[in-house]
Amino acid sequence: MKIYFIAICGKGVGNLAVLLKKMGHDVRGSEYSQNTFYPPIADLIKDNEIPVDFGFDPEKVTPEYDLIVTGGAALIHDPNNPQLQKAKDLGLKIITFATGIGRIVAKEES
């Protein structure tokens, strides 16, 4: 599955991105700026070779993504986050970080 994380550098969000990559998914994400991409999560994301786009450029969200995951900070800097709006316009499947965790953890064998 091809997954794009909007606001990937949150403690939980970054770890979910790494977990999904280790499960074999193609993972990429965005972060508001290089100033908001800091250790320890930034190091974890880099170490796991997850590409990160800086700025919420809507052109980075394309129909090729199977899933868009929004971190809690996705709407902090812009309540009308352009990447989230583009994902909606394209009709992509969008879930929150919390929903993503729930889907992985809430299984008989997790």
PDB file of N, CA and C in Angstrom:
ATOM      1  N   MET A   1       0.852  -1.176   0.000  1.00  0.00           N
ATOM      2  CA  MET A   1       0.000   0.000   0.000  1.00  0.00           C
ATOM      3  C   MET A   1       0.893   1.232   0.000  1.00  0.00           C
ATOM      4  N   LYS A   2       0.493   2.250  -0.735  1.00  0.00           N
ATOM      5  CA  LYS A   2       1.221   3.509  -0.806  1.00  0.00           C
ATOM      6  C   LYS A   2       0.536   4.500   0.139  1.00  0.00           C
ATOM      7  N   ILE A   3       1.283   4.975   1.155  1.00  0.00           N
ATOM      8  CA  ILE A   3       0.701   5.788   2.226  1.00  0.00           C
ATOM      9  C   ILE A   3       1.442   7.119   2.342  1.00  0.00           C
ATOM     10  N   TYR A   4       0.676   8.203   2.485  1.00  0.00           N
ATOM     11  CA  TYR A   4       1.251   9.533   2.657  1.00  0.00           C
ATOM     12  C   TYR A   4       0.791  10.090   4.001  1.00  0.00           C
ATOM     13  N   PHE A   5       1.751  10.521   4.818  1.00  0.00           N
ATOM     14  CA  PHE A   5       1.474  11.107   6.137  1.00  0.00           C
ATOM     15  C   PHE A   5       1.592  12.625   6.057  1.00  0.00           C
ATOM     16  N   ILE A   6       0.546  13.319   6.465  1.00  0.00           N
ATOM     17  CA  ILE A   6       0.589  14.779   6.547  1.00  0.00           C
ATOM     18  C   ILE A   6       0.908  15.131   7.999  1.00  0.00           C
ATOM     19  N   ALA A   7       2.010  15.875   8.209  1.00  0.00           N
ATOM     20  CA  ALA A   7       2.529  16.203   9.554  1.00  0.00           C
ATOM     21  C   ALA A   7       3.106  14.948  10.192  1.00  0.00           C
ATOM     22  N   ILE A   8       4.171  14.426   9.589  1.00  0.00           N
ATOM     23  CA  ILE A   8       4.749  13.132   9.944  1.00  0.00           C
ATOM     24  C   ILE A   8       5.638  13.153  11.198  1.00  0.00           C
ATOM     25  N   CYS A   9       6.056  14.315  11.659  1.00  0.00           N
ATOM     26  CA  CYS A   9       7.068  14.345  12.717  1.00  0.00           C
ATOM     27  C   CYS A   9       6.537  14.285  14.142  1.00  0.00           C
ATOM     28  N   GLY A  10       5.265  14.048  14.330  1.00  0.00           N
ATOM     29  CA  GLY A  10       4.765  13.859  15.696  1.00  0.00           C
ATOM     30  C   GLY A  10       5.305  12.559  16.273  1.00  0.00           C
ATOM     31  N   LYS A  11       5.418  12.482  17.575  1.00  0.00           N
ATOM     32  CA  LYS A  11       5.973  11.278  18.208  1.00  0.00           C
ATOM     33  C   LYS A  11       5.218  10.017  17.817  1.00  0.00           C
ATOM     34  N   GLY A  12       3.914  10.066  17.888  1.00  0.00           N
ATOM     35  CA  GLY A  12       3.120   8.901  17.528  1.00  0.00           C
ATOM     36  C   GLY A  12       3.050   8.696  16.028  1.00  0.00           C
ATOM     37  N   VAL A  13       2.862   9.781  15.294  1.00  0.00           N
ATOM     38  CA  VAL A  13       2.700   9.706  13.845  1.00  0.00           C
ATOM     39  C   VAL A  13       3.971   9.159  13.193  1.00  0.00           C
ATOM     40  N   GLY A  14       5.111   9.680  13.595  1.00  0.00           N
ATOM     41  CA  GLY A  14       6.380   9.205  13.036  1.00  0.00           C
ATOM     42  C   GLY A  14       6.608   7.728  13.309  1.00  0.00           C
ATOM     43  N   ASN A  15       6.275   7.308  14.508  1.00  0.00           N
ATOM     44  CA  ASN A  15       6.430   5.888  14.838  1.00  0.00           C
ATOM     45  C   ASN A  15       5.472   5.021  14.030  1.00  0.00           C
ATOM     46  N   LEU A  16       4.254   5.493  13.801  1.00  0.00           N
ATOM     47  CA  LEU A  16       3.311   4.745  12.976  1.00  0.00           C
ATOM     48  C   LEU A  16       3.836   4.637  11.543  1.00  0.00           C
ATOM     49  N   ALA A  17       4.409   5.714  11.025  1.00  0.00           N
ATOM     50  CA  ALA A  17       4.972   5.693   9.673  1.00  0.00           C
ATOM     51  C   ALA A  17       6.081   4.643   9.575  1.00  0.00           C
ATOM     52  N   VAL A  18       6.950   4.611  10.566  1.00  0.00           N
ATOM     53  CA  VAL A  18       8.042   3.632  10.573  1.00  0.00           C
ATOM     54  C   VAL A  18       7.487   2.216  10.678  1.00  0.00           C
ATOM     55  N   LEU A  19       6.530   2.011  11.542  1.00  0.00           N
ATOM     56  CA  LEU A  19       5.914   0.692  11.694  1.00  0.00           C
ATOM     57  C   LEU A  19       5.317   0.215  10.372  1.00  0.00           C
ATOM     58  N   LEU A  20       4.580   1.088   9.696  1.00  0.00           N
ATOM     59  CA  LEU A  20       3.958   0.706   8.428  1.00  0.00           C
ATOM     60  C   LEU A  20       5.010   0.434   7.356  1.00  0.00           C
ATOM     61  N   LYS A  21       6.090   1.191   7.370  1.00  0.00           N
ATOM     62  CA  LYS A  21       7.174   0.917   6.415  1.00  0.00           C
ATOM     63  C   LYS A  21       7.779  -0.450   6.695  1.00  0.00           C
ATOM     64  N   LYS A  22       8.011  -0.766   7.963  1.00  0.00           N
ATOM     65  CA  LYS A  22       8.584  -2.064   8.326  1.00  0.00           C
ATOM     66  C   LYS A  22       7.631  -3.216   7.994  1.00  0.00           C
ATOM     67  N   MET A  23       6.350  -2.896   7.896  1.00  0.00           N
ATOM     68  CA  MET A  23       5.367  -3.911   7.512  1.00  0.00           C
ATOM     69  C   MET A  23       5.327  -4.086   5.987  1.00  0.00           C
ATOM     70  N   GLY A  24       6.131  -3.294   5.272  1.00  0.00           N
ATOM     71  CA  GLY A  24       6.238  -3.459   3.834  1.00  0.00           C
ATOM     72  C   GLY A  24       5.513  -2.429   2.988  1.00  0.00           C
ATOM     73  N   HIS A  25       4.936  -1.420   3.618  1.00  0.00           N
ATOM     74  CA  HIS A  25       4.219  -0.395   2.861  1.00  0.00           C
ATOM     75  C   HIS A  25       5.192   0.659   2.329  1.00  0.00           C
ATOM     76  N   ASP A  26       4.794   1.308   1.264  1.00  0.00           N
ATOM     77  CA  ASP A  26       5.551   2.406   0.670  1.00  0.00           C
ATOM     78  C   ASP A  26       5.082   3.679   1.372  1.00  0.00           C
ATOM     79  N   VAL A  27       5.945   4.271   2.185  1.00  0.00           N
ATOM     80  CA  VAL A  27       5.567   5.387   3.056  1.00  0.00           C
ATOM     81  C   VAL A  27       6.359   6.642   2.699  1.00  0.00           C
ATOM     82  N   ARG A  28       5.663   7.747   2.702  1.00  0.00           N
ATOM     83  CA  ARG A  28       6.240   9.074   2.479  1.00  0.00           C
ATOM     84  C   ARG A  28       5.428  10.045   3.324  1.00  0.00           C
ATOM     85  N   GLY A  29       5.966  11.238   3.565  1.00  0.00           N
ATOM     86  CA  GLY A  29       5.189  12.200   4.342  1.00  0.00           C
ATOM     87  C   GLY A  29       5.625  13.629   4.136  1.00  0.00           C
ATOM     88  N   SER A  30       4.931  14.506   4.833  1.00  0.00           N
ATOM     89  CA  SER A  30       5.261  15.929   4.789  1.00  0.00           C
ATOM     90  C   SER A  30       5.319  16.470   6.212  1.00  0.00           C
ATOM     91  N   GLU A  31       6.044  17.546   6.336  1.00  0.00           N
ATOM     92  CA  GLU A  31       6.146  18.249   7.608  1.00  0.00           C
ATOM     93  C   GLU A  31       6.107  19.738   7.299  1.00  0.00           C
ATOM     94  N   TYR A  32       5.589  20.513   8.217  1.00  0.00           N
ATOM     95  CA  TYR A  32       5.400  21.952   8.013  1.00  0.00           C
ATOM     96  C   TYR A  32       6.679  22.638   7.517  1.00  0.00           C
ATOM     97  N   SER A  33       7.790  22.400   8.208  1.00  0.00           N
ATOM     98  CA  SER A  33       9.067  22.998   7.795  1.00  0.00           C
ATOM     99  C   SER A  33      10.217  22.212   8.405  1.00  0.00           C
ATOM    100  N   GLN A  34      11.412  22.534   7.999  1.00  0.00           N
ATOM    101  CA  GLN A  34      12.579  21.886   8.603  1.00  0.00           C
ATOM    102  C   GLN A  34      12.702  22.251  10.078  1.00  0.00           C
ATOM    103  N   ASN A  35      12.146  23.399  10.475  1.00  0.00           N
ATOM    104  CA  ASN A  35      12.184  23.807  11.880  1.00  0.00           C
ATOM    105  C   ASN A  35      11.288  22.945  12.765  1.00  0.00           C
ATOM    106  N   THR A  36      10.293  22.283  12.168  1.00  0.00           N
ATOM    107  CA  THR A  36       9.407  21.426  12.959  1.00  0.00           C
ATOM    108  C   THR A  36       9.762  19.945  12.783  1.00  0.00           C
ATOM    109  N   PHE A  37      10.866  19.666  12.087  1.00  0.00           N
ATOM    110  CA  PHE A  37      11.341  18.299  11.853  1.00  0.00           C
ATOM    111  C   PHE A  37      12.599  18.108  12.691  1.00  0.00           C
ATOM    112  N   TYR A  38      12.418  17.628  13.931  1.00  0.00           N
ATOM    113  CA  TYR A  38      13.547  17.578  14.860  1.00  0.00           C
ATOM    114  C   TYR A  38      13.599  16.241  15.591  1.00  0.00           C
ATOM    115  N   PRO A  39      14.790  15.937  16.161  1.00  0.00           N
ATOM    116  CA  PRO A  39      14.973  14.663  16.886  1.00  0.00           C
ATOM    117  C   PRO A  39      14.069  14.604  18.121  1.00  0.00           C
ATOM    118  N   PRO A  40      13.772  13.416  18.570  1.00  0.00           N
ATOM    119  CA  PRO A  40      14.287  12.136  18.080  1.00  0.00           C
ATOM    120  C   PRO A  40      13.485  11.561  16.913  1.00  0.00           C
ATOM    121  N   ILE A  41      12.282  12.050  16.660  1.00  0.00           N
ATOM    122  CA  ILE A  41      11.450  11.445  15.613  1.00  0.00           C
ATOM    123  C   ILE A  41      12.045  11.682  14.230  1.00  0.00           C
ATOM    124  N   ALA A  42      12.591  12.859  13.972  1.00  0.00           N
ATOM    125  CA  ALA A  42      13.206  13.115  12.667  1.00  0.00           C
ATOM    126  C   ALA A  42      14.317  12.104  12.388  1.00  0.00           C
ATOM    127  N   ASP A  43      15.119  11.801  13.406  1.00  0.00           N
ATOM    128  CA  ASP A  43      16.197  10.822  13.228  1.00  0.00           C
ATOM    129  C   ASP A  43      15.637   9.438  12.923  1.00  0.00           C
ATOM    130  N   LEU A  44      14.581   9.068  13.597  1.00  0.00           N
ATOM    131  CA  LEU A  44      13.945   7.766  13.367  1.00  0.00           C
ATOM    132  C   LEU A  44      13.412   7.679  11.927  1.00  0.00           C
ATOM    133  N   ILE A  45      12.784   8.739  11.476  1.00  0.00           N
ATOM    134  CA  ILE A  45      12.245   8.778  10.110  1.00  0.00           C
ATOM    135  C   ILE A  45      13.386   8.695   9.094  1.00  0.00           C
ATOM    136  N   LYS A  46      14.450   9.467   9.314  1.00  0.00           N
ATOM    137  CA  LYS A  46      15.608   9.437   8.408  1.00  0.00           C
ATOM    138  C   LYS A  46      16.270   8.062   8.410  1.00  0.00           C
ATOM    139  N   ASP A  47      16.466   7.504   9.588  1.00  0.00           N
ATOM    140  CA  ASP A  47      17.115   6.192   9.699  1.00  0.00           C
ATOM    141  C   ASP A  47      16.341   5.106   8.964  1.00  0.00           C
ATOM    142  N   ASN A  48      15.041   5.283   8.847  1.00  0.00           N
ATOM    143  CA  ASN A  48      14.201   4.303   8.157  1.00  0.00           C
ATOM    144  C   ASN A  48      13.923   4.703   6.705  1.00  0.00           C
ATOM    145  N   GLU A  49      14.658   5.712   6.250  1.00  0.00           N
ATOM    146  CA  GLU A  49      14.643   6.134   4.851  1.00  0.00           C
ATOM    147  C   GLU A  49      13.242   6.454   4.326  1.00  0.00           C
ATOM    148  N   ILE A  50      12.493   7.184   5.139  1.00  0.00           N
ATOM    149  CA  ILE A  50      11.169   7.648   4.727  1.00  0.00           C
ATOM    150  C   ILE A  50      11.334   9.063   4.176  1.00  0.00           C
ATOM    151  N   PRO A  51      11.022   9.272   2.904  1.00  0.00           N
ATOM    152  CA  PRO A  51      11.150  10.613   2.329  1.00  0.00           C
ATOM    153  C   PRO A  51      10.155  11.590   2.957  1.00  0.00           C
ATOM    154  N   VAL A  52      10.625  12.820   3.180  1.00  0.00           N
ATOM    155  CA  VAL A  52       9.781  13.854   3.783  1.00  0.00           C
ATOM    156  C   VAL A  52       9.828  15.111   2.918  1.00  0.00           C
ATOM    157  N   ASP A  53       8.652  15.628   2.598  1.00  0.00           N
ATOM    158  CA  ASP A  53       8.517  16.891   1.877  1.00  0.00           C
ATOM    159  C   ASP A  53       8.288  17.988   2.910  1.00  0.00           C
ATOM    160  N   PHE A  54       8.964  19.113   2.749  1.00  0.00           N
ATOM    161  CA  PHE A  54       8.772  20.225   3.682  1.00  0.00           C
ATOM    162  C   PHE A  54       7.815  21.239   3.080  1.00  0.00           C
ATOM    163  N   GLY A  55       6.859  21.647   3.898  1.00  0.00           N
ATOM    164  CA  GLY A  55       5.774  22.492   3.442  1.00  0.00           C
ATOM    165  C   GLY A  55       4.620  21.580   3.052  1.00  0.00           C
ATOM    166  N   PHE A  56       3.440  22.092   3.084  1.00  0.00           N
ATOM    167  CA  PHE A  56       2.267  21.282   2.761  1.00  0.00           C
ATOM    168  C   PHE A  56       1.827  21.555   1.318  1.00  0.00           C
ATOM    169  N   ASP A  57       2.730  21.259   0.383  1.00  0.00           N
ATOM    170  CA  ASP A  57       2.484  21.473  -1.037  1.00  0.00           C
ATOM    171  C   ASP A  57       1.435  20.480  -1.541  1.00  0.00           C
ATOM    172  N   PRO A  58       0.293  20.960  -2.009  1.00  0.00           N
ATOM    173  CA  PRO A  58      -0.765  20.050  -2.456  1.00  0.00           C
ATOM    174  C   PRO A  58      -0.358  19.195  -3.655  1.00  0.00           C
ATOM    175  N   GLU A  59       0.630  19.636  -4.429  1.00  0.00           N
ATOM    176  CA  GLU A  59       1.061  18.864  -5.594  1.00  0.00           C
ATOM    177  C   GLU A  59       1.729  17.548  -5.205  1.00  0.00           C
ATOM    178  N   LYS A  60       2.135  17.424  -3.951  1.00  0.00           N
ATOM    179  CA  LYS A  60       2.758  16.176  -3.468  1.00  0.00           C
ATOM    180  C   LYS A  60       1.715  15.088  -3.215  1.00  0.00           C
ATOM    181  N   VAL A  61       0.468  15.466  -3.100  1.00  0.00           N
ATOM    182  CA  VAL A  61      -0.623  14.499  -2.885  1.00  0.00           C
ATOM    183  C   VAL A  61      -1.204  14.169  -4.248  1.00  0.00           C
ATOM    184  N   THR A  62      -1.058  12.904  -4.639  1.00  0.00           N
ATOM    185  CA  THR A  62      -1.477  12.479  -5.971  1.00  0.00           C
ATOM    186  C   THR A  62      -2.403  11.265  -5.875  1.00  0.00           C
ATOM    187  N   PRO A  63      -3.085  10.950  -6.962  1.00  0.00           N
ATOM    188  CA  PRO A  63      -4.024   9.814  -6.951  1.00  0.00           C
ATOM    189  C   PRO A  63      -3.366   8.461  -6.706  1.00  0.00           C
ATOM    190  N   GLU A  64      -2.043   8.392  -6.795  1.00  0.00           N
ATOM    191  CA  GLU A  64      -1.352   7.116  -6.597  1.00  0.00           C
ATOM    192  C   GLU A  64      -1.384   6.626  -5.144  1.00  0.00           C
ATOM    193  N   TYR A  65      -1.733   7.499  -4.200  1.00  0.00           N
ATOM    194  CA  TYR A  65      -1.748   7.091  -2.791  1.00  0.00           C
ATOM    195  C   TYR A  65      -3.026   6.323  -2.458  1.00  0.00           C
ATOM    196  N   ASP A  66      -2.825   5.209  -1.760  1.00  0.00           N
ATOM    197  CA  ASP A  66      -3.950   4.391  -1.314  1.00  0.00           C
ATOM    198  C   ASP A  66      -4.550   4.930  -0.019  1.00  0.00           C
ATOM    199  N   LEU A  67      -3.736   5.647   0.754  1.00  0.00           N
ATOM    200  CA  LEU A  67      -4.168   6.106   2.071  1.00  0.00           C
ATOM    201  C   LEU A  67      -3.422   7.375   2.450  1.00  0.00           C
ATOM    202  N   ILE A  68      -4.148   8.309   3.043  1.00  0.00           N
ATOM    203  CA  ILE A  68      -3.568   9.536   3.604  1.00  0.00           C
ATOM    204  C   ILE A  68      -3.809   9.472   5.109  1.00  0.00           C
ATOM    205  N   VAL A  69      -2.738   9.668   5.891  1.00  0.00           N
ATOM    206  CA  VAL A  69      -2.859   9.678   7.350  1.00  0.00           C
ATOM    207  C   VAL A  69      -2.519  11.084   7.824  1.00  0.00           C
ATOM    208  N   THR A  70      -3.412  11.669   8.607  1.00  0.00           N
ATOM    209  CA  THR A  70      -3.176  13.020   9.110  1.00  0.00           C
ATOM    210  C   THR A  70      -2.710  12.985  10.556  1.00  0.00           C
ATOM    211  N   GLY A  71      -1.610  13.678  10.792  1.00  0.00           N
ATOM    212  CA  GLY A  71      -1.127  13.842  12.151  1.00  0.00           C
ATOM    213  C   GLY A  71      -1.869  14.987  12.813  1.00  0.00           C
ATOM    214  N   GLY A  72      -1.748  15.069  14.121  1.00  0.00           N
ATOM    215  CA  GLY A  72      -2.452  16.101  14.878  1.00  0.00           C
ATOM    216  C   GLY A  72      -2.083  17.516  14.469  1.00  0.00           C
ATOM    217  N   ALA A  73      -0.857  17.708  13.986  1.00  0.00           N
ATOM    218  CA  ALA A  73      -0.407  19.050  13.614  1.00  0.00           C
ATOM    219  C   ALA A  73      -0.793  19.432  12.196  1.00  0.00           C
ATOM    220  N   ALA A  74      -1.445  18.548  11.478  1.00  0.00           N
ATOM    221  CA  ALA A  74      -1.793  18.828  10.073  1.00  0.00           C
ATOM    222  C   ALA A  74      -2.623  20.095   9.920  1.00  0.00           C
ATOM    223  N   LEU A  75      -3.415  20.416  10.934  1.00  0.00           N
ATOM    224  CA  LEU A  75      -4.300  21.582  10.829  1.00  0.00           C
ATOM    225  C   LEU A  75      -3.885  22.743  11.724  1.00  0.00           C
ATOM    226  N   ILE A  76      -2.811  22.575  12.473  1.00  0.00           N
ATOM    227  CA  ILE A  76      -2.388  23.636  13.395  1.00  0.00           C
ATOM    228  C   ILE A  76      -1.916  24.876  12.648  1.00  0.00           C
ATOM    229  N   HIS A  77      -1.052  24.694  11.665  1.00  0.00           N
ATOM    230  CA  HIS A  77      -0.488  25.836  10.945  1.00  0.00           C
ATOM    231  C   HIS A  77      -1.450  26.404   9.911  1.00  0.00           C
ATOM    232  N   ASP A  78      -2.366  25.559   9.445  1.00  0.00           N
ATOM    233  CA  ASP A  78      -3.346  26.014   8.456  1.00  0.00           C
ATOM    234  C   ASP A  78      -4.600  25.159   8.597  1.00  0.00           C
ATOM    235  N   PRO A  79      -5.678  25.718   9.154  1.00  0.00           N
ATOM    236  CA  PRO A  79      -6.902  24.940   9.341  1.00  0.00           C
ATOM    237  C   PRO A  79      -7.483  24.414   8.028  1.00  0.00           C
ATOM    238  N   ASN A  80      -7.044  25.003   6.916  1.00  0.00           N
ATOM    239  CA  ASN A  80      -7.456  24.534   5.591  1.00  0.00           C
ATOM    240  C   ASN A  80      -6.252  23.918   4.885  1.00  0.00           C
ATOM    241  N   ASN A  81      -5.583  22.993   5.560  1.00  0.00           N
ATOM    242  CA  ASN A  81      -4.354  22.390   5.045  1.00  0.00           C
ATOM    243  C   ASN A  81      -4.525  22.021   3.569  1.00  0.00           C
ATOM    244  N   PRO A  82      -3.670  22.575   2.692  1.00  0.00           N
ATOM    245  CA  PRO A  82      -3.831  22.338   1.257  1.00  0.00           C
ATOM    246  C   PRO A  82      -3.629  20.880   0.843  1.00  0.00           C
ATOM    247  N   GLN A  83      -2.800  20.144   1.562  1.00  0.00           N
ATOM    248  CA  GLN A  83      -2.627  18.729   1.224  1.00  0.00           C
ATOM    249  C   GLN A  83      -3.871  17.932   1.588  1.00  0.00           C
ATOM    250  N   LEU A  84      -4.438  18.226   2.726  1.00  0.00           N
ATOM    251  CA  LEU A  84      -5.652  17.536   3.141  1.00  0.00           C
ATOM    252  C   LEU A  84      -6.798  17.872   2.181  1.00  0.00           C
ATOM    253  N   GLN A  85      -6.884  19.123   1.786  1.00  0.00           N
ATOM    254  CA  GLN A  85      -7.928  19.527   0.841  1.00  0.00           C
ATOM    255  C   GLN A  85      -7.752  18.815  -0.493  1.00  0.00           C
ATOM    256  N   LYS A  86      -6.512  18.713  -0.963  1.00  0.00           N
ATOM    257  CA  LYS A  86      -6.251  18.029  -2.233  1.00  0.00           C
ATOM    258  C   LYS A  86      -6.639  16.556  -2.137  1.00  0.00           C
ATOM    259  N   ALA A  87      -6.312  15.906  -1.021  1.00  0.00           N
ATOM    260  CA  ALA A  87      -6.675  14.496  -0.827  1.00  0.00           C
ATOM    261  C   ALA A  87      -8.189  14.329  -0.880  1.00  0.00           C
ATOM    262  N   LYS A  88      -8.914  15.260  -0.268  1.00  0.00           N
ATOM    263  CA  LYS A  88     -10.383  15.216  -0.303  1.00  0.00           C
ATOM    264  C   LYS A  88     -10.890  15.409  -1.723  1.00  0.00           C
ATOM    265  N   ASP A  89     -10.314  16.382  -2.436  1.00  0.00           N
ATOM    266  CA  ASP A  89     -10.729  16.656  -3.814  1.00  0.00           C
ATOM    267  C   ASP A  89     -10.509  15.448  -4.719  1.00  0.00           C
ATOM    268  N   LEU A  90      -9.436  14.699  -4.451  1.00  0.00           N
ATOM    269  CA  LEU A  90      -9.129  13.517  -5.249  1.00  0.00           C
ATOM    270  C   LEU A  90      -9.935  12.290  -4.820  1.00  0.00           C
ATOM    271  N   GLY A  91     -10.647  12.413  -3.702  1.00  0.00           N
ATOM    272  CA  GLY A  91     -11.427  11.280  -3.211  1.00  0.00           C
ATOM    273  C   GLY A  91     -10.580  10.179  -2.591  1.00  0.00           C
ATOM    274  N   LEU A  92      -9.401  10.543  -2.084  1.00  0.00           N
ATOM    275  CA  LEU A  92      -8.521   9.554  -1.460  1.00  0.00           C
ATOM    276  C   LEU A  92      -9.039   9.164  -0.078  1.00  0.00           C
ATOM    277  N   LYS A  93      -8.694   7.970   0.339  1.00  0.00           N
ATOM    278  CA  LYS A  93      -9.059   7.514   1.684  1.00  0.00           C
ATOM    279  C   LYS A  93      -8.178   8.261   2.684  1.00  0.00           C
ATOM    280  N   ILE A  94      -8.816   8.898   3.669  1.00  0.00           N
ATOM    281  CA  ILE A  94      -8.122   9.705   4.675  1.00  0.00           C
ATOM    282  C   ILE A  94      -8.498   9.192   6.054  1.00  0.00           C
ATOM    283  N   ILE A  95      -7.465   8.979   6.887  1.00  0.00           N
ATOM    284  CA  ILE A  95      -7.721   8.610   8.280  1.00  0.00           C
ATOM    285  C   ILE A  95      -6.825   9.442   9.186  1.00  0.00           C
ATOM    286  N   THR A  96      -7.204   9.538  10.441  1.00  0.00           N
ATOM    287  CA  THR A  96      -6.368  10.212  11.434  1.00  0.00           C
ATOM    288  C   THR A  96      -5.344   9.224  11.982  1.00  0.00           C
ATOM    289  N   PHE A  97      -4.334   9.780  12.613  1.00  0.00           N
ATOM    290  CA  PHE A  97      -3.328   8.952  13.281  1.00  0.00           C
ATOM    291  C   PHE A  97      -3.994   7.987  14.259  1.00  0.00           C
ATOM    292  N   ALA A  98      -4.932   8.489  15.055  1.00  0.00           N
ATOM    293  CA  ALA A  98      -5.589   7.648  16.059  1.00  0.00           C
ATOM    294  C   ALA A  98      -6.316   6.474  15.422  1.00  0.00           C
ATOM    295  N   THR A  99      -6.980   6.711  14.316  1.00  0.00           N
ATOM    296  CA  THR A  99      -7.658   5.628  13.608  1.00  0.00           C
ATOM    297  C   THR A  99      -6.642   4.618  13.087  1.00  0.00           C
ATOM    298  N   GLY A 100      -5.530   5.115  12.578  1.00  0.00           N
ATOM    299  CA  GLY A 100      -4.474   4.224  12.081  1.00  0.00           C
ATOM    300  C   GLY A 100      -3.934   3.316  13.164  1.00  0.00           C
ATOM    301  N   ILE A 101      -3.656   3.874  14.325  1.00  0.00           N
ATOM    302  CA  ILE A 101      -3.184   3.057  15.451  1.00  0.00           C
ATOM    303  C   ILE A 101      -4.241   2.033  15.833  1.00  0.00           C
ATOM    304  N   GLY A 102      -5.481   2.474  15.902  1.00  0.00           N
ATOM    305  CA  GLY A 102      -6.566   1.569  16.277  1.00  0.00           C
ATOM    306  C   GLY A 102      -6.678   0.381  15.337  1.00  0.00           C
ATOM    307  N   ARG A 103      -6.498   0.615  14.050  1.00  0.00           N
ATOM    308  CA  ARG A 103      -6.611  -0.465  13.078  1.00  0.00           C
ATOM    309  C   ARG A 103      -5.483  -1.466  13.189  1.00  0.00           C
ATOM    310  N   ILE A 104      -4.329  -1.018  13.633  1.00  0.00           N
ATOM    311  CA  ILE A 104      -3.192  -1.940  13.775  1.00  0.00           C
ATOM    312  C   ILE A 104      -3.251  -2.673  15.116  1.00  0.00           C
ATOM    313  N   VAL A 105      -3.553  -1.957  16.175  1.00  0.00           N
ATOM    314  CA  VAL A 105      -3.508  -2.530  17.513  1.00  0.00           C
ATOM    315  C   VAL A 105      -4.759  -3.359  17.845  1.00  0.00           C
ATOM    316  N   ALA A 106      -5.898  -2.933  17.378  1.00  0.00           N
ATOM    317  CA  ALA A 106      -7.155  -3.602  17.743  1.00  0.00           C
ATOM    318  C   ALA A 106      -7.381  -4.860  16.907  1.00  0.00           C
ATOM    319  N   LYS A 107      -6.455  -5.799  17.047  1.00  0.00           N
ATOM    320  CA  LYS A 107      -6.572  -7.078  16.352  1.00  0.00           C
ATOM    321  C   LYS A 107      -6.308  -8.191  17.352  1.00  0.00           C
ATOM    322  N   GLU A 108      -6.776  -9.349  17.011  1.00  0.00           N
ATOM    323  CA  GLU A 108      -6.577 -10.483  17.914  1.00  0.00           C
ATOM    324  C   GLU A 108      -5.094 -10.752  18.129  1.00  0.00           C
ATOM    325  N   GLU A 109      -4.318 -10.645  17.041  1.00  0.00           N
ATOM    326  CA  GLU A 109      -2.865 -10.830  17.138  1.00  0.00           C
ATOM    327  C   GLU A 109      -2.194  -9.556  16.677  1.00  0.00           C
ATOM    328  N   SER A 110      -1.733  -8.759  17.621  1.00  0.00           N
ATOM    329  CA  SER A 110      -1.075  -7.514  17.232  1.00  0.00           C
ATOM    330  C   SER A 110       0.322  -7.441  17.835  1.00  0.00           C
TER     331      SER A 110
END
